[in-house]
C-alpha atoms as a PDB file:
ATOM      1  CA  UNK A   1      -0.079  -0.042   0.058  1.00  0.00           C
ATOM      2  CA  UNK A   2       3.106   2.318   0.013  1.00  0.00           C
ATOM      3  CA  UNK A   3       4.488   2.196  -3.476  1.00  0.00           C
ATOM      4  CA  UNK A   4       8.074   3.199  -3.808  1.00  0.00           C
ATOM      5  CA  UNK A   5       8.838   2.629  -0.114  1.00  0.00           C
ATOM      6  CA  UNK A   6      11.185   0.201   1.603  1.00  0.00           C
ATOM      7  CA  UNK A   7       9.873  -1.122   4.894  1.00  0.00           C
ATOM      8  CA  UNK A   8      12.527  -2.260   7.299  1.00  0.00           C
ATOM      9  CA  UNK A   9      12.778  -3.136  10.956  1.00  0.00           C
ATOM     10  CA  UNK A  10      16.172  -1.441  11.130  1.00  0.00           C
ATOM     11  CA  UNK A  11      17.134   2.122  10.169  1.00  0.00           C
ATOM     12  CA  UNK A  12      18.549   2.465   6.651  1.00  0.00           C
ATOM     13  CA  UNK A  13      20.526   5.713   6.962  1.00  0.00           C
ATOM     14  CA  UNK A  14      20.435   9.103   8.537  1.00  0.00           C
ATOM     15  CA  UNK A  15      17.086  10.190   7.033  1.00  0.00           C
ATOM     16  CA  UNK A  16      14.160   7.830   7.520  1.00  0.00           C
ATOM     17  CA  UNK A  17      10.551   7.789   8.589  1.00  0.00           C
ATOM     18  CA  UNK A  18       9.490   5.928  11.638  1.00  0.00           C
ATOM     19  CA  UNK A  19       6.021   4.278  12.267  1.00  0.00           C
ATOM     20  CA  UNK A  20       5.146   2.947  15.677  1.00  0.00           C
ATOM     21  CA  UNK A  21       1.936   1.058  16.036  1.00  0.00           C
ATOM     22  CA  UNK A  22       0.457   0.117  19.470  1.00  0.00           C
ATOM     23  CA  UNK A  23      -2.399  -2.399  19.525  1.00  0.00           C
ATOM     24  CA  UNK A  24      -4.642  -2.194  22.504  1.00  0.00           C
ATOM     25  CA  UNK A  25      -7.528  -4.371  21.313  1.00  0.00           C
ATOM     26  CA  UNK A  26      -7.460  -7.469  19.045  1.00  0.00           C
ATOM     27  CA  UNK A  27     -10.144  -9.844  20.094  1.00  0.00           C
ATOM     28  CA  UNK A  28     -13.718 -11.149  19.793  1.00  0.00           C
ATOM     29  CA  UNK A  29     -16.565  -9.614  21.806  1.00  0.00           C
ATOM     30  CA  UNK A  30     -19.616 -11.155  23.493  1.00  0.00           C
ATOM     31  CA  UNK A  31     -21.874  -9.420  20.897  1.00  0.00           C
ATOM     32  CA  UNK A  32     -20.353 -11.159  17.753  1.00  0.00           C
ATOM     33  CA  UNK A  33     -18.036  -8.290  16.861  1.00  0.00           C
ATOM     34  CA  UNK A  34     -14.275  -8.417  16.291  1.00  0.00           C
ATOM     35  CA  UNK A  35     -12.376  -5.608  17.735  1.00  0.00           C
ATOM     36  CA  UNK A  36      -9.213  -3.947  16.333  1.00  0.00           C
ATOM     37  CA  UNK A  37      -8.042  -0.918  18.237  1.00  0.00           C
ATOM     38  CA  UNK A  38      -4.912   1.088  19.208  1.00  0.00           C
ATOM     39  CA  UNK A  39      -2.972   4.082  17.821  1.00  0.00           C
ATOM     40  CA  UNK A  40      -0.065   4.762  15.576  1.00  0.00           C
ATOM     41  CA  UNK A  41       2.586   7.493  15.275  1.00  0.00           C
ATOM     42  CA  UNK A  42       4.346   8.468  12.100  1.00  0.00           C
ATOM     43  CA  UNK A  43       7.554  10.599  12.253  1.00  0.00           C
ATOM     44  CA  UNK A  44       8.120  12.083   8.753  1.00  0.00           C
ATOM     45  CA  UNK A  45      10.473  14.941   7.830  1.00  0.00           C
ATOM     46  CA  UNK A  46      10.523  16.384  11.401  1.00  0.00           C
ATOM     47  CA  UNK A  47       6.690  16.094  11.695  1.00  0.00           C
ATOM     48  CA  UNK A  48       4.873  13.869  13.985  1.00  0.00           C
ATOM     49  CA  UNK A  49       1.320  12.536  13.067  1.00  0.00           C
ATOM     50  CA  UNK A  50      -0.486  10.458  15.660  1.00  0.00           C
ATOM     51  CA  UNK A  51      -3.941   8.908  15.231  1.00  0.00           C
ATOM     52  CA  UNK A  52      -6.029   6.296  16.907  1.00  0.00           C
ATOM     53  CA  UNK A  53      -7.963   3.470  15.308  1.00  0.00           C
ATOM     54  CA  UNK A  54     -10.983   1.740  16.639  1.00  0.00           C
ATOM     55  CA  UNK A  55     -12.985  -0.933  14.597  1.00  0.00           C
ATOM     56  CA  UNK A  56     -15.692  -3.233  15.752  1.00  0.00           C
ATOM     57  CA  UNK A  57     -16.593  -5.495  12.881  1.00  0.00           C
ATOM     58  CA  UNK A  58     -19.491  -7.999  12.782  1.00  0.00           C
ATOM     59  CA  UNK A  59     -18.634 -11.611  12.285  1.00  0.00           C
ATOM     60  CA  UNK A  60     -20.654 -13.212   9.558  1.00  0.00           C
ATOM     61  CA  UNK A  61     -20.396 -16.549  11.214  1.00  0.00           C
ATOM     62  CA  UNK A  62     -19.894 -18.059  14.641  1.00  0.00           C
ATOM     63  CA  UNK A  63     -16.690 -19.725  15.716  1.00  0.00           C
ATOM     64  CA  UNK A  64     -13.030 -19.184  16.003  1.00  0.00           C
ATOM     65  CA  UNK A  65     -12.310 -19.382  12.291  1.00  0.00           C
ATOM     66  CA  UNK A  66     -14.773 -16.695  11.543  1.00  0.00           C
ATOM     67  CA  UNK A  67     -13.250 -14.550  14.272  1.00  0.00           C
ATOM     68  CA  UNK A  68      -9.782 -14.933  12.834  1.00  0.00           C
ATOM     69  CA  UNK A  69     -11.106 -13.971   9.245  1.00  0.00           C
ATOM     70  CA  UNK A  70     -12.844 -10.933  10.730  1.00  0.00           C
ATOM     71  CA  UNK A  71      -9.901  -9.811  12.679  1.00  0.00           C
ATOM     72  CA  UNK A  72      -7.770 -10.186   9.462  1.00  0.00           C
ATOM     73  CA  UNK A  73     -10.155  -7.881   7.538  1.00  0.00           C
ATOM     74  CA  UNK A  74     -10.016  -5.355  10.382  1.00  0.00           C
ATOM     75  CA  UNK A  75      -6.323  -5.393  10.382  1.00  0.00           C
ATOM     76  CA  UNK A  76      -6.223  -4.962   6.617  1.00  0.00           C
ATOM     77  CA  UNK A  77      -8.523  -1.903   6.846  1.00  0.00           C
ATOM     78  CA  UNK A  78      -6.242  -0.485   9.649  1.00  0.00           C
ATOM     79  CA  UNK A  79      -3.212  -0.917   7.544  1.00  0.00           C
ATOM     80  CA  UNK A  80      -4.750   0.772   4.555  1.00  0.00           C
ATOM     81  CA  UNK A  81      -5.872   3.730   6.783  1.00  0.00           C
ATOM     82  CA  UNK A  82      -2.287   4.153   8.042  1.00  0.00           C
ATOM     83  CA  UNK A  83      -0.907   3.886   4.512  1.00  0.00           C
ATOM     84  CA  UNK A  84      -3.382   6.504   3.206  1.00  0.00           C
ATOM     85  CA  UNK A  85      -2.460   8.800   6.060  1.00  0.00           C
ATOM     86  CA  UNK A  86       1.191   8.292   5.361  1.00  0.00           C
ATOM     87  CA  UNK A  87       0.913   9.181   1.710  1.00  0.00           C
ATOM     88  CA  UNK A  88      -1.056  12.402   2.528  1.00  0.00           C
ATOM     89  CA  UNK A  89       1.668  13.644   4.984  1.00  0.00           C
ATOM     90  CA  UNK A  90       4.213  14.032   2.155  1.00  0.00           C
END
């Protein structure tokens, strides 16, 4: 989702962006929803952007497999939101 970018766990030189993600919720809930929540911080060219995320997606089916699929969808949505925000900070 970030074309032209190299993502690395280690710094690649003097000038690099830093993205930190803190996940505070990643579980199923009693009402059949999957929760993905937390916040991310992007340091880019001396600027800091901080934003929270909080999704509660309905499961289409019962069971652990359905929960895992729904959590995966929620995480993909979150990752796309982060990528979109990172692109607009340029």
